[in-house]
Amino acid sequence: MACECNNITRFRATEIAVADGVTTITIPTTPAINSGDVFEILLATAVPDGTDGTQVAITNGTITAALMNGNGNYFRPLPLTSRTVFLVQYLGDPSHFQILRISGKCCCMR
């Protein structure tokens, strides 16, 4: 599900899973994500144990890419909690999501 908050599209995570040291955040498949798109991801689902310090990947079923920090390293949050909001940008060469901001609590719940 997507909504608009401060003119930025917000997707609600539909699933968060941990496997092989990677936390995968699943967002809805529509609308399509294009290189350069900026949007928020609300972790509006239960966060499983074992996410601390893991590499984070984001998928919408079509694109699966790592979440990177500003230095080009894998983003490894401590701790990852429900209701956290990531502001990210998708970049296509190479395919990855760039973390722009993290908010501890959601400001607009729709």
PDB file of N, CA and C in Angstrom:
ATOM      1  N   MET A   1       0.845  -1.174   0.000  1.00  0.00           N
ATOM      2  CA  MET A   1       0.000   0.000   0.000  1.00  0.00           C
ATOM      3  C   MET A   1       0.888   1.234   0.000  1.00  0.00           C
ATOM      4  N   ALA A   2       0.547   2.212  -0.809  1.00  0.00           N
ATOM      5  CA  ALA A   2       1.311   3.448  -0.889  1.00  0.00           C
ATOM      6  C   ALA A   2       0.429   4.613  -0.482  1.00  0.00           C
ATOM      7  N   CYS A   3       1.035   5.619   0.145  1.00  0.00           N
ATOM      8  CA  CYS A   3       0.320   6.851   0.450  1.00  0.00           C
ATOM      9  C   CYS A   3       1.282   8.005   0.245  1.00  0.00           C
ATOM     10  N   GLU A   4       0.778   9.220   0.263  1.00  0.00           N
ATOM     11  CA  GLU A   4       1.604  10.406   0.114  1.00  0.00           C
ATOM     12  C   GLU A   4       1.727  11.101   1.463  1.00  0.00           C
ATOM     13  N   CYS A   5       2.934  11.433   1.848  1.00  0.00           N
ATOM     14  CA  CYS A   5       3.205  12.177   3.079  1.00  0.00           C
ATOM     15  C   CYS A   5       4.249  13.224   2.725  1.00  0.00           C
ATOM     16  N   ASN A   6       3.897  14.486   2.806  1.00  0.00           N
ATOM     17  CA  ASN A   6       4.801  15.561   2.426  1.00  0.00           C
ATOM     18  C   ASN A   6       5.262  15.409   0.979  1.00  0.00           C
ATOM     19  N   ASN A   7       4.352  14.990   0.102  1.00  0.00           N
ATOM     20  CA  ASN A   7       4.610  14.809  -1.327  1.00  0.00           C
ATOM     21  C   ASN A   7       5.655  13.735  -1.628  1.00  0.00           C
ATOM     22  N   ILE A   8       5.925  12.851  -0.690  1.00  0.00           N
ATOM     23  CA  ILE A   8       6.828  11.722  -0.909  1.00  0.00           C
ATOM     24  C   ILE A   8       5.999  10.455  -0.770  1.00  0.00           C
ATOM     25  N   THR A   9       6.102   9.582  -1.744  1.00  0.00           N
ATOM     26  CA  THR A   9       5.354   8.327  -1.691  1.00  0.00           C
ATOM     27  C   THR A   9       5.881   7.467  -0.556  1.00  0.00           C
ATOM     28  N   ARG A  10       4.961   6.885   0.193  1.00  0.00           N
ATOM     29  CA  ARG A  10       5.328   6.000   1.303  1.00  0.00           C
ATOM     30  C   ARG A  10       4.760   4.614   1.038  1.00  0.00           C
ATOM     31  N   PHE A  11       5.617   3.616   1.100  1.00  0.00           N
ATOM     32  CA  PHE A  11       5.200   2.220   0.993  1.00  0.00           C
ATOM     33  C   PHE A  11       5.245   1.597   2.372  1.00  0.00           C
ATOM     34  N   ARG A  12       4.268   0.774   2.672  1.00  0.00           N
ATOM     35  CA  ARG A  12       4.273   0.013   3.916  1.00  0.00           C
ATOM     36  C   ARG A  12       4.858  -1.362   3.637  1.00  0.00           C
ATOM     37  N   ALA A  13       5.864  -1.731   4.402  1.00  0.00           N
ATOM     38  CA  ALA A  13       6.464  -3.055   4.240  1.00  0.00           C
ATOM     39  C   ALA A  13       5.405  -4.119   4.490  1.00  0.00           C
ATOM     40  N   THR A  14       5.370  -5.110   3.629  1.00  0.00           N
ATOM     41  CA  THR A  14       4.398  -6.194   3.786  1.00  0.00           C
ATOM     42  C   THR A  14       5.008  -7.395   4.488  1.00  0.00           C
ATOM     43  N   GLU A  15       6.343  -7.478   4.499  1.00  0.00           N
ATOM     44  CA  GLU A  15       7.021  -8.585   5.161  1.00  0.00           C
ATOM     45  C   GLU A  15       8.457  -8.190   5.449  1.00  0.00           C
ATOM     46  N   ILE A  16       8.975  -8.686   6.574  1.00  0.00           N
ATOM     47  CA  ILE A  16      10.382  -8.527   6.916  1.00  0.00           C
ATOM     48  C   ILE A  16      10.885  -9.909   7.303  1.00  0.00           C
ATOM     49  N   ALA A  17      11.927 -10.370   6.629  1.00  0.00           N
ATOM     50  CA  ALA A  17      12.446 -11.713   6.876  1.00  0.00           C
ATOM     51  C   ALA A  17      13.964 -11.657   7.005  1.00  0.00           C
ATOM     52  N   VAL A  18      14.521 -12.589   7.788  1.00  0.00           N
ATOM     53  CA  VAL A  18      15.963 -12.685   7.980  1.00  0.00           C
ATOM     54  C   VAL A  18      16.419 -14.059   7.529  1.00  0.00           C
ATOM     55  N   ALA A  19      17.437 -14.096   6.659  1.00  0.00           N
ATOM     56  CA  ALA A  19      18.021 -15.359   6.216  1.00  0.00           C
ATOM     57  C   ALA A  19      19.458 -15.115   5.781  1.00  0.00           C
ATOM     58  N   ASP A  20      20.360 -15.960   6.218  1.00  0.00           N
ATOM     59  CA  ASP A  20      21.770 -15.906   5.806  1.00  0.00           C
ATOM     60  C   ASP A  20      22.406 -14.539   6.022  1.00  0.00           C
ATOM     61  N   GLY A  21      22.094 -13.877   7.139  1.00  0.00           N
ATOM     62  CA  GLY A  21      22.696 -12.593   7.463  1.00  0.00           C
ATOM     63  C   GLY A  21      22.148 -11.406   6.696  1.00  0.00           C
ATOM     64  N   VAL A  22      21.018 -11.595   6.017  1.00  0.00           N
ATOM     65  CA  VAL A  22      20.393 -10.502   5.257  1.00  0.00           C
ATOM     66  C   VAL A  22      18.955 -10.335   5.733  1.00  0.00           C
ATOM     67  N   THR A  23      18.592  -9.100   6.068  1.00  0.00           N
ATOM     68  CA  THR A  23      17.208  -8.769   6.386  1.00  0.00           C
ATOM     69  C   THR A  23      16.566  -8.237   5.118  1.00  0.00           C
ATOM     70  N   THR A  24      15.526  -8.912   4.647  1.00  0.00           N
ATOM     71  CA  THR A  24      14.851  -8.506   3.418  1.00  0.00           C
ATOM     72  C   THR A  24      13.518  -7.854   3.762  1.00  0.00           C
ATOM     73  N   ILE A  25      13.346  -6.634   3.278  1.00  0.00           N
ATOM     74  CA  ILE A  25      12.115  -5.870   3.470  1.00  0.00           C
ATOM     75  C   ILE A  25      11.336  -5.934   2.160  1.00  0.00           C
ATOM     76  N   THR A  26      10.112  -6.452   2.225  1.00  0.00           N
ATOM     77  CA  THR A  26       9.275  -6.563   1.033  1.00  0.00           C
ATOM     78  C   THR A  26       8.263  -5.424   1.014  1.00  0.00           C
ATOM     79  N   ILE A  27       8.192  -4.742  -0.135  1.00  0.00           N
ATOM     80  CA  ILE A  27       7.221  -3.662  -0.336  1.00  0.00           C
ATOM     81  C   ILE A  27       6.289  -4.080  -1.480  1.00  0.00           C
ATOM     82  N   PRO A  28       5.148  -3.413  -1.645  1.00  0.00           N
ATOM     83  CA  PRO A  28       4.218  -3.786  -2.720  1.00  0.00           C
ATOM     84  C   PRO A  28       4.857  -3.702  -4.112  1.00  0.00           C
ATOM     85  N   THR A  29       4.311  -4.464  -5.043  1.00  0.00           N
ATOM     86  CA  THR A  29       4.874  -4.526  -6.396  1.00  0.00           C
ATOM     87  C   THR A  29       4.504  -3.337  -7.265  1.00  0.00           C
ATOM     88  N   THR A  30       3.476  -2.604  -6.909  1.00  0.00           N
ATOM     89  CA  THR A  30       3.090  -1.453  -7.727  1.00  0.00           C
ATOM     90  C   THR A  30       3.129  -0.198  -6.878  1.00  0.00           C
ATOM     91  N   PRO A  31       3.418   0.945  -7.401  1.00  0.00           N
ATOM     92  CA  PRO A  31       3.776   1.180  -8.789  1.00  0.00           C
ATOM     93  C   PRO A  31       5.219   0.775  -9.071  1.00  0.00           C
ATOM     94  N   ALA A  32       5.607   0.821 -10.335  1.00  0.00           N
ATOM     95  CA  ALA A  32       6.969   0.456 -10.731  1.00  0.00           C
ATOM     96  C   ALA A  32       7.965   1.419 -10.098  1.00  0.00           C
ATOM     97  N   ILE A  33       9.142   0.916  -9.772  1.00  0.00           N
ATOM     98  CA  ILE A  33      10.211   1.735  -9.209  1.00  0.00           C
ATOM     99  C   ILE A  33      11.226   1.985 -10.312  1.00  0.00           C
ATOM    100  N   ASN A  34      11.550   3.259 -10.519  1.00  0.00           N
ATOM    101  CA  ASN A  34      12.501   3.645 -11.558  1.00  0.00           C
ATOM    102  C   ASN A  34      13.734   4.279 -10.943  1.00  0.00           C
ATOM    103  N   SER A  35      14.842   4.218 -11.650  1.00  0.00           N
ATOM    104  CA  SER A  35      16.091   4.813 -11.168  1.00  0.00           C
ATOM    105  C   SER A  35      15.873   6.295 -10.868  1.00  0.00           C
ATOM    106  N   GLY A  36      16.314   6.718  -9.700  1.00  0.00           N
ATOM    107  CA  GLY A  36      16.160   8.106  -9.264  1.00  0.00           C
ATOM    108  C   GLY A  36      14.956   8.350  -8.381  1.00  0.00           C
ATOM    109  N   ASP A  37      14.020   7.407  -8.305  1.00  0.00           N
ATOM    110  CA  ASP A  37      12.827   7.574  -7.470  1.00  0.00           C
ATOM    111  C   ASP A  37      13.207   7.671  -5.991  1.00  0.00           C
ATOM    112  N   VAL A  38      12.573   8.603  -5.291  1.00  0.00           N
ATOM    113  CA  VAL A  38      12.752   8.772  -3.843  1.00  0.00           C
ATOM    114  C   VAL A  38      11.421   8.447  -3.182  1.00  0.00           C
ATOM    115  N   PHE A  39      11.457   7.625  -2.127  1.00  0.00           N
ATOM    116  CA  PHE A  39      10.236   7.270  -1.418  1.00  0.00           C
ATOM    117  C   PHE A  39      10.568   6.810  -0.008  1.00  0.00           C
ATOM    118  N   GLU A  40       9.522   6.708   0.806  1.00  0.00           N
ATOM    119  CA  GLU A  40       9.675   6.238   2.181  1.00  0.00           C
ATOM    120  C   GLU A  40       9.178   4.807   2.296  1.00  0.00           C
ATOM    121  N   ILE A  41       9.801   4.067   3.222  1.00  0.00           N
ATOM    122  CA  ILE A  41       9.347   2.721   3.551  1.00  0.00           C
ATOM    123  C   ILE A  41       9.045   2.690   5.035  1.00  0.00           C
ATOM    124  N   LEU A  42       7.794   2.411   5.363  1.00  0.00           N
ATOM    125  CA  LEU A  42       7.360   2.289   6.753  1.00  0.00           C
ATOM    126  C   LEU A  42       7.393   0.819   7.144  1.00  0.00           C
ATOM    127  N   LEU A  43       8.132   0.499   8.179  1.00  0.00           N
ATOM    128  CA  LEU A  43       8.178  -0.875   8.675  1.00  0.00           C
ATOM    129  C   LEU A  43       6.943  -1.088   9.536  1.00  0.00           C
ATOM    130  N   ALA A  44       5.833  -1.402   8.864  1.00  0.00           N
ATOM    131  CA  ALA A  44       4.530  -1.511   9.529  1.00  0.00           C
ATOM    132  C   ALA A  44       4.148  -2.961   9.766  1.00  0.00           C
ATOM    133  N   THR A  45       5.125  -3.784   9.964  1.00  0.00           N
ATOM    134  CA  THR A  45       4.892  -5.202  10.215  1.00  0.00           C
ATOM    135  C   THR A  45       5.863  -5.654  11.300  1.00  0.00           C
ATOM    136  N   ALA A  46       5.626  -6.802  11.851  1.00  0.00           N
ATOM    137  CA  ALA A  46       6.499  -7.306  12.916  1.00  0.00           C
ATOM    138  C   ALA A  46       7.925  -7.494  12.392  1.00  0.00           C
ATOM    139  N   VAL A  47       8.890  -7.098  13.210  1.00  0.00           N
ATOM    140  CA  VAL A  47      10.300  -7.271  12.870  1.00  0.00           C
ATOM    141  C   VAL A  47      10.799  -8.514  13.599  1.00  0.00           C
ATOM    142  N   PRO A  48      11.285  -9.517  12.869  1.00  0.00           N
ATOM    143  CA  PRO A  48      11.734 -10.745  13.520  1.00  0.00           C
ATOM    144  C   PRO A  48      13.026 -10.543  14.302  1.00  0.00           C
ATOM    145  N   ASP A  49      13.297 -11.438  15.218  1.00  0.00           N
ATOM    146  CA  ASP A  49      14.569 -11.421  15.940  1.00  0.00           C
ATOM    147  C   ASP A  49      15.700 -11.685  14.961  1.00  0.00           C
ATOM    148  N   GLY A  50      16.886 -11.185  15.284  1.00  0.00           N
ATOM    149  CA  GLY A  50      18.060 -11.473  14.473  1.00  0.00           C
ATOM    150  C   GLY A  50      18.371 -10.462  13.397  1.00  0.00           C
ATOM    151  N   THR A  51      17.739  -9.283  13.437  1.00  0.00           N
ATOM    152  CA  THR A  51      17.997  -8.276  12.403  1.00  0.00           C
ATOM    153  C   THR A  51      19.179  -7.377  12.745  1.00  0.00           C
ATOM    154  N   ASP A  52      19.600  -7.336  14.005  1.00  0.00           N
ATOM    155  CA  ASP A  52      20.657  -6.424  14.440  1.00  0.00           C
ATOM    156  C   ASP A  52      21.955  -6.660  13.674  1.00  0.00           C
ATOM    157  N   GLY A  53      22.424  -5.623  12.997  1.00  0.00           N
ATOM    158  CA  GLY A  53      23.693  -5.674  12.311  1.00  0.00           C
ATOM    159  C   GLY A  53      23.696  -6.433  10.999  1.00  0.00           C
ATOM    160  N   THR A  54      22.542  -6.882  10.534  1.00  0.00           N
ATOM    161  CA  THR A  54      22.499  -7.612   9.258  1.00  0.00           C
ATOM    162  C   THR A  54      22.462  -6.640   8.089  1.00  0.00           C
ATOM    163  N   GLN A  55      22.892  -7.105   6.952  1.00  0.00           N
ATOM    164  CA  GLN A  55      22.758  -6.346   5.717  1.00  0.00           C
ATOM    165  C   GLN A  55      21.270  -6.259   5.391  1.00  0.00           C
ATOM    166  N   VAL A  56      20.824  -5.130   4.834  1.00  0.00           N
ATOM    167  CA  VAL A  56      19.408  -4.953   4.505  1.00  0.00           C
ATOM    168  C   VAL A  56      19.237  -4.935   2.992  1.00  0.00           C
ATOM    169  N   ALA A  57      18.240  -5.684   2.511  1.00  0.00           N
ATOM    170  CA  ALA A  57      17.863  -5.669   1.096  1.00  0.00           C
ATOM    171  C   ALA A  57      16.383  -5.312   1.014  1.00  0.00           C
ATOM    172  N   ILE A  58      16.004  -4.673  -0.079  1.00  0.00           N
ATOM    173  CA  ILE A  58      14.616  -4.290  -0.305  1.00  0.00           C
ATOM    174  C   ILE A  58      14.157  -4.954  -1.599  1.00  0.00           C
ATOM    175  N   THR A  59      12.947  -5.507  -1.582  1.00  0.00           N
ATOM    176  CA  THR A  59      12.402  -6.136  -2.780  1.00  0.00           C
ATOM    177  C   THR A  59      10.948  -5.747  -2.974  1.00  0.00           C
ATOM    178  N   ASN A  60      10.551  -5.673  -4.237  1.00  0.00           N
ATOM    179  CA  ASN A  60       9.136  -5.482  -4.561  1.00  0.00           C
ATOM    180  C   ASN A  60       8.648  -6.627  -5.447  1.00  0.00           C
ATOM    181  N   GLY A  61       9.413  -7.707  -5.497  1.00  0.00           N
ATOM    182  CA  GLY A  61       9.061  -8.849  -6.328  1.00  0.00           C
ATOM    183  C   GLY A  61       9.685  -8.782  -7.707  1.00  0.00           C
ATOM    184  N   THR A  62       9.987  -7.579  -8.175  1.00  0.00           N
ATOM    185  CA  THR A  62      10.650  -7.394  -9.469  1.00  0.00           C
ATOM    186  C   THR A  62      12.106  -7.005  -9.269  1.00  0.00           C
ATOM    187  N   ILE A  63      12.326  -6.062  -8.369  1.00  0.00           N
ATOM    188  CA  ILE A  63      13.664  -5.576  -8.050  1.00  0.00           C
ATOM    189  C   ILE A  63      14.023  -6.058  -6.654  1.00  0.00           C
ATOM    190  N   THR A  64      15.225  -6.598  -6.495  1.00  0.00           N
ATOM    191  CA  THR A  64      15.787  -6.881  -5.171  1.00  0.00           C
ATOM    192  C   THR A  64      17.166  -6.264  -5.164  1.00  0.00           C
ATOM    193  N   ALA A  65      17.398  -5.347  -4.217  1.00  0.00           N
ATOM    194  CA  ALA A  65      18.673  -4.641  -4.181  1.00  0.00           C
ATOM    195  C   ALA A  65      19.057  -4.317  -2.745  1.00  0.00           C
ATOM    196  N   ALA A  66      20.351  -4.202  -2.524  1.00  0.00           N
ATOM    197  CA  ALA A  66      20.880  -3.887  -1.201  1.00  0.00           C
ATOM    198  C   ALA A  66      20.587  -2.435  -0.842  1.00  0.00           C
ATOM    199  N   LEU A  67      20.440  -2.185   0.460  1.00  0.00           N
ATOM    200  CA  LEU A  67      20.313  -0.834   0.984  1.00  0.00           C
ATOM    201  C   LEU A  67      21.714  -0.394   1.384  1.00  0.00           C
ATOM    202  N   MET A  68      22.185   0.706   0.812  1.00  0.00           N
ATOM    203  CA  MET A  68      23.556   1.181   1.021  1.00  0.00           C
ATOM    204  C   MET A  68      23.547   2.505   1.775  1.00  0.00           C
ATOM    205  N   ASN A  69      24.643   2.782   2.499  1.00  0.00           N
ATOM    206  CA  ASN A  69      24.778   4.073   3.159  1.00  0.00           C
ATOM    207  C   ASN A  69      25.489   5.051   2.228  1.00  0.00           C
ATOM    208  N   GLY A  70      25.736   6.258   2.696  1.00  0.00           N
ATOM    209  CA  GLY A  70      26.345   7.291   1.864  1.00  0.00           C
ATOM    210  C   GLY A  70      27.775   7.011   1.446  1.00  0.00           C
ATOM    211  N   ASN A  71      28.447   6.077   2.118  1.00  0.00           N
ATOM    212  CA  ASN A  71      29.824   5.728   1.773  1.00  0.00           C
ATOM    213  C   ASN A  71      29.902   4.564   0.794  1.00  0.00           C
ATOM    214  N   GLY A  72      28.742   4.039   0.384  1.00  0.00           N
ATOM    215  CA  GLY A  72      28.728   2.913  -0.534  1.00  0.00           C
ATOM    216  C   GLY A  72      28.858   1.567   0.149  1.00  0.00           C
ATOM    217  N   ASN A  73      28.725   1.546   1.483  1.00  0.00           N
ATOM    218  CA  ASN A  73      28.774   0.296   2.232  1.00  0.00           C
ATOM    219  C   ASN A  73      27.366  -0.204   2.504  1.00  0.00           C
ATOM    220  N   TYR A  74      27.253  -1.485   2.810  1.00  0.00           N
ATOM    221  CA  TYR A  74      25.947  -2.039   3.173  1.00  0.00           C
ATOM    222  C   TYR A  74      25.441  -1.354   4.435  1.00  0.00           C
ATOM    223  N   PHE A  75      24.171  -1.007   4.433  1.00  0.00           N
ATOM    224  CA  PHE A  75      23.542  -0.383   5.600  1.00  0.00           C
ATOM    225  C   PHE A  75      23.171  -1.476   6.591  1.00  0.00           C
ATOM    226  N   ARG A  76      23.662  -1.361   7.825  1.00  0.00           N
ATOM    227  CA  ARG A  76      23.431  -2.366   8.868  1.00  0.00           C
ATOM    228  C   ARG A  76      22.903  -1.668  10.123  1.00  0.00           C
ATOM    229  N   PRO A  77      21.580  -1.492  10.219  1.00  0.00           N
ATOM    230  CA  PRO A  77      21.006  -0.745  11.345  1.00  0.00           C
ATOM    231  C   PRO A  77      21.017  -1.526  12.648  1.00  0.00           C
ATOM    232  N   LEU A  78      21.145  -0.801  13.745  1.00  0.00           N
ATOM    233  CA  LEU A  78      21.049  -1.371  15.091  1.00  0.00           C
ATOM    234  C   LEU A  78      20.129  -0.493  15.907  1.00  0.00           C
ATOM    235  N   PRO A  79      19.084  -0.917  16.484  1.00  0.00           N
ATOM    236  CA  PRO A  79      18.313  -2.094  16.092  1.00  0.00           C
ATOM    237  C   PRO A  79      17.295  -1.694  15.026  1.00  0.00           C
ATOM    238  N   LEU A  80      16.759  -2.659  14.348  1.00  0.00           N
ATOM    239  CA  LEU A  80      15.698  -2.447  13.366  1.00  0.00           C
ATOM    240  C   LEU A  80      14.383  -2.677  14.097  1.00  0.00           C
ATOM    241  N   THR A  81      13.505  -1.677  14.128  1.00  0.00           N
ATOM    242  CA  THR A  81      12.269  -1.779  14.897  1.00  0.00           C
ATOM    243  C   THR A  81      11.048  -1.437  14.053  1.00  0.00           C
ATOM    244  N   SER A  82       9.915  -1.943  14.468  1.00  0.00           N
ATOM    245  CA  SER A  82       8.656  -1.635  13.813  1.00  0.00           C
ATOM    246  C   SER A  82       8.361  -0.148  13.954  1.00  0.00           C
ATOM    247  N   ARG A  83       7.699   0.414  12.964  1.00  0.00           N
ATOM    248  CA  ARG A  83       7.323   1.823  12.864  1.00  0.00           C
ATOM    249  C   ARG A  83       8.485   2.729  12.493  1.00  0.00           C
ATOM    250  N   THR A  84       9.655   2.162  12.166  1.00  0.00           N
ATOM    251  CA  THR A  84      10.760   2.948  11.634  1.00  0.00           C
ATOM    252  C   THR A  84      10.424   3.310  10.192  1.00  0.00           C
ATOM    253  N   VAL A  85      10.834   4.508   9.779  1.00  0.00           N
ATOM    254  CA  VAL A  85      10.603   4.961   8.407  1.00  0.00           C
ATOM    255  C   VAL A  85      11.961   5.243   7.762  1.00  0.00           C
ATOM    256  N   PHE A  86      12.201   4.593   6.615  1.00  0.00           N
ATOM    257  CA  PHE A  86      13.407   4.850   5.829  1.00  0.00           C
ATOM    258  C   PHE A  86      13.036   5.755   4.661  1.00  0.00           C
ATOM    259  N   LEU A  87      13.796   6.820   4.445  1.00  0.00           N
ATOM    260  CA  LEU A  87      13.692   7.603   3.215  1.00  0.00           C
ATOM    261  C   LEU A  87      14.819   7.097   2.328  1.00  0.00           C
ATOM    262  N   VAL A  88      14.474   6.562   1.158  1.00  0.00           N
ATOM    263  CA  VAL A  88      15.464   5.945   0.283  1.00  0.00           C
ATOM    264  C   VAL A  88      15.332   6.466  -1.143  1.00  0.00           C
ATOM    265  N   GLN A  89      16.403   6.271  -1.903  1.00  0.00           N
ATOM    266  CA  GLN A  89      16.387   6.555  -3.336  1.00  0.00           C
ATOM    267  C   GLN A  89      16.867   5.297  -4.043  1.00  0.00           C
ATOM    268  N   TYR A  90      16.146   4.912  -5.091  1.00  0.00           N
ATOM    269  CA  TYR A  90      16.571   3.758  -5.886  1.00  0.00           C
ATOM    270  C   TYR A  90      17.488   4.243  -7.000  1.00  0.00           C
ATOM    271  N   LEU A  91      18.638   3.610  -7.115  1.00  0.00           N
ATOM    272  CA  LEU A  91      19.600   3.949  -8.158  1.00  0.00           C
ATOM    273  C   LEU A  91      19.898   2.680  -8.953  1.00  0.00           C
ATOM    274  N   GLY A  92      19.943   2.789 -10.274  1.00  0.00           N
ATOM    275  CA  GLY A  92      19.986   1.610 -11.117  1.00  0.00           C
ATOM    276  C   GLY A  92      21.331   1.170 -11.646  1.00  0.00           C
ATOM    277  N   ASP A  93      22.438   1.892 -11.367  1.00  0.00           N
ATOM    278  CA  ASP A  93      23.718   1.498 -11.943  1.00  0.00           C
ATOM    279  C   ASP A  93      24.843   1.665 -10.934  1.00  0.00           C
ATOM    280  N   PRO A  94      25.190   0.649 -10.169  1.00  0.00           N
ATOM    281  CA  PRO A  94      24.550  -0.663 -10.073  1.00  0.00           C
ATOM    282  C   PRO A  94      23.265  -0.572  -9.255  1.00  0.00           C
ATOM    283  N   SER A  95      22.413  -1.556  -9.403  1.00  0.00           N
ATOM    284  CA  SER A  95      21.115  -1.562  -8.743  1.00  0.00           C
ATOM    285  C   SER A  95      21.266  -1.596  -7.229  1.00  0.00           C
ATOM    286  N   HIS A  96      20.794  -0.525  -6.551  1.00  0.00           N
ATOM    287  CA  HIS A  96      20.811  -0.472  -5.088  1.00  0.00           C
ATOM    288  C   HIS A  96      19.876   0.638  -4.611  1.00  0.00           C
ATOM    289  N   PHE A  97      19.559   0.576  -3.321  1.00  0.00           N
ATOM    290  CA  PHE A  97      18.802   1.638  -2.662  1.00  0.00           C
ATOM    291  C   PHE A  97      19.768   2.412  -1.784  1.00  0.00           C
ATOM    292  N   GLN A  98      19.690   3.734  -1.818  1.00  0.00           N
ATOM    293  CA  GLN A  98      20.544   4.601  -1.016  1.00  0.00           C
ATOM    294  C   GLN A  98      19.725   5.124   0.154  1.00  0.00           C
ATOM    295  N   ILE A  99      20.217   4.940   1.392  1.00  0.00           N
ATOM    296  CA  ILE A  99      19.515   5.464   2.563  1.00  0.00           C
ATOM    297  C   ILE A  99      19.755   6.973   2.622  1.00  0.00           C
ATOM    298  N   LEU A 100      18.685   7.740   2.741  1.00  0.00           N
ATOM    299  CA  LEU A 100      18.786   9.192   2.845  1.00  0.00           C
ATOM    300  C   LEU A 100      18.491   9.677   4.260  1.00  0.00           C
ATOM    301  N   ARG A 101      17.548   8.991   4.945  1.00  0.00           N
ATOM    302  CA  ARG A 101      17.174   9.398   6.300  1.00  0.00           C
ATOM    303  C   ARG A 101      16.443   8.249   6.980  1.00  0.00           C
ATOM    304  N   ILE A 102      16.566   8.205   8.297  1.00  0.00           N
ATOM    305  CA  ILE A 102      15.814   7.248   9.116  1.00  0.00           C
ATOM    306  C   ILE A 102      15.056   8.038  10.161  1.00  0.00           C
ATOM    307  N   SER A 103      13.764   7.749  10.296  1.00  0.00           N
ATOM    308  CA  SER A 103      12.945   8.364  11.337  1.00  0.00           C
ATOM    309  C   SER A 103      12.526   7.270  12.301  1.00  0.00           C
ATOM    310  N   GLY A 104      12.583   7.558  13.591  1.00  0.00           N
ATOM    311  CA  GLY A 104      12.239   6.560  14.590  1.00  0.00           C
ATOM    312  C   GLY A 104      10.774   6.255  14.674  1.00  0.00           C
ATOM    313  N   LYS A 105       9.930   7.212  14.410  1.00  0.00           N
ATOM    314  CA  LYS A 105       8.477   6.994  14.469  1.00  0.00           C
ATOM    315  C   LYS A 105       7.849   7.616  13.238  1.00  0.00           C
ATOM    316  N   CYS A 106       6.738   7.055  12.866  1.00  0.00           N
ATOM    317  CA  CYS A 106       6.005   7.518  11.683  1.00  0.00           C
ATOM    318  C   CYS A 106       5.259   8.805  11.993  1.00  0.00           C
ATOM    319  N   CYS A 107       5.325   9.775  11.084  1.00  0.00           N
ATOM    320  CA  CYS A 107       4.637  11.047  11.325  1.00  0.00           C
ATOM    321  C   CYS A 107       3.228  11.077  10.745  1.00  0.00           C
ATOM    322  N   CYS A 108       2.965  10.298   9.709  1.00  0.00           N
ATOM    323  CA  CYS A 108       1.611  10.308   9.141  1.00  0.00           C
ATOM    324  C   CYS A 108       1.179   8.873   8.918  1.00  0.00           C
ATOM    325  N   MET A 109       0.262   8.407   9.722  1.00  0.00           N
ATOM    326  CA  MET A 109      -0.245   7.041   9.612  1.00  0.00           C
ATOM    327  C   MET A 109      -1.544   7.100   8.826  1.00  0.00           C
ATOM    328  N   ARG A 110      -1.536   6.563   7.615  1.00  0.00           N
ATOM    329  CA  ARG A 110      -2.745   6.560   6.792  1.00  0.00           C
ATOM    330  C   ARG A 110      -3.125   5.149   6.484  1.00  0.00           C
TER     331      ARG A 110
END
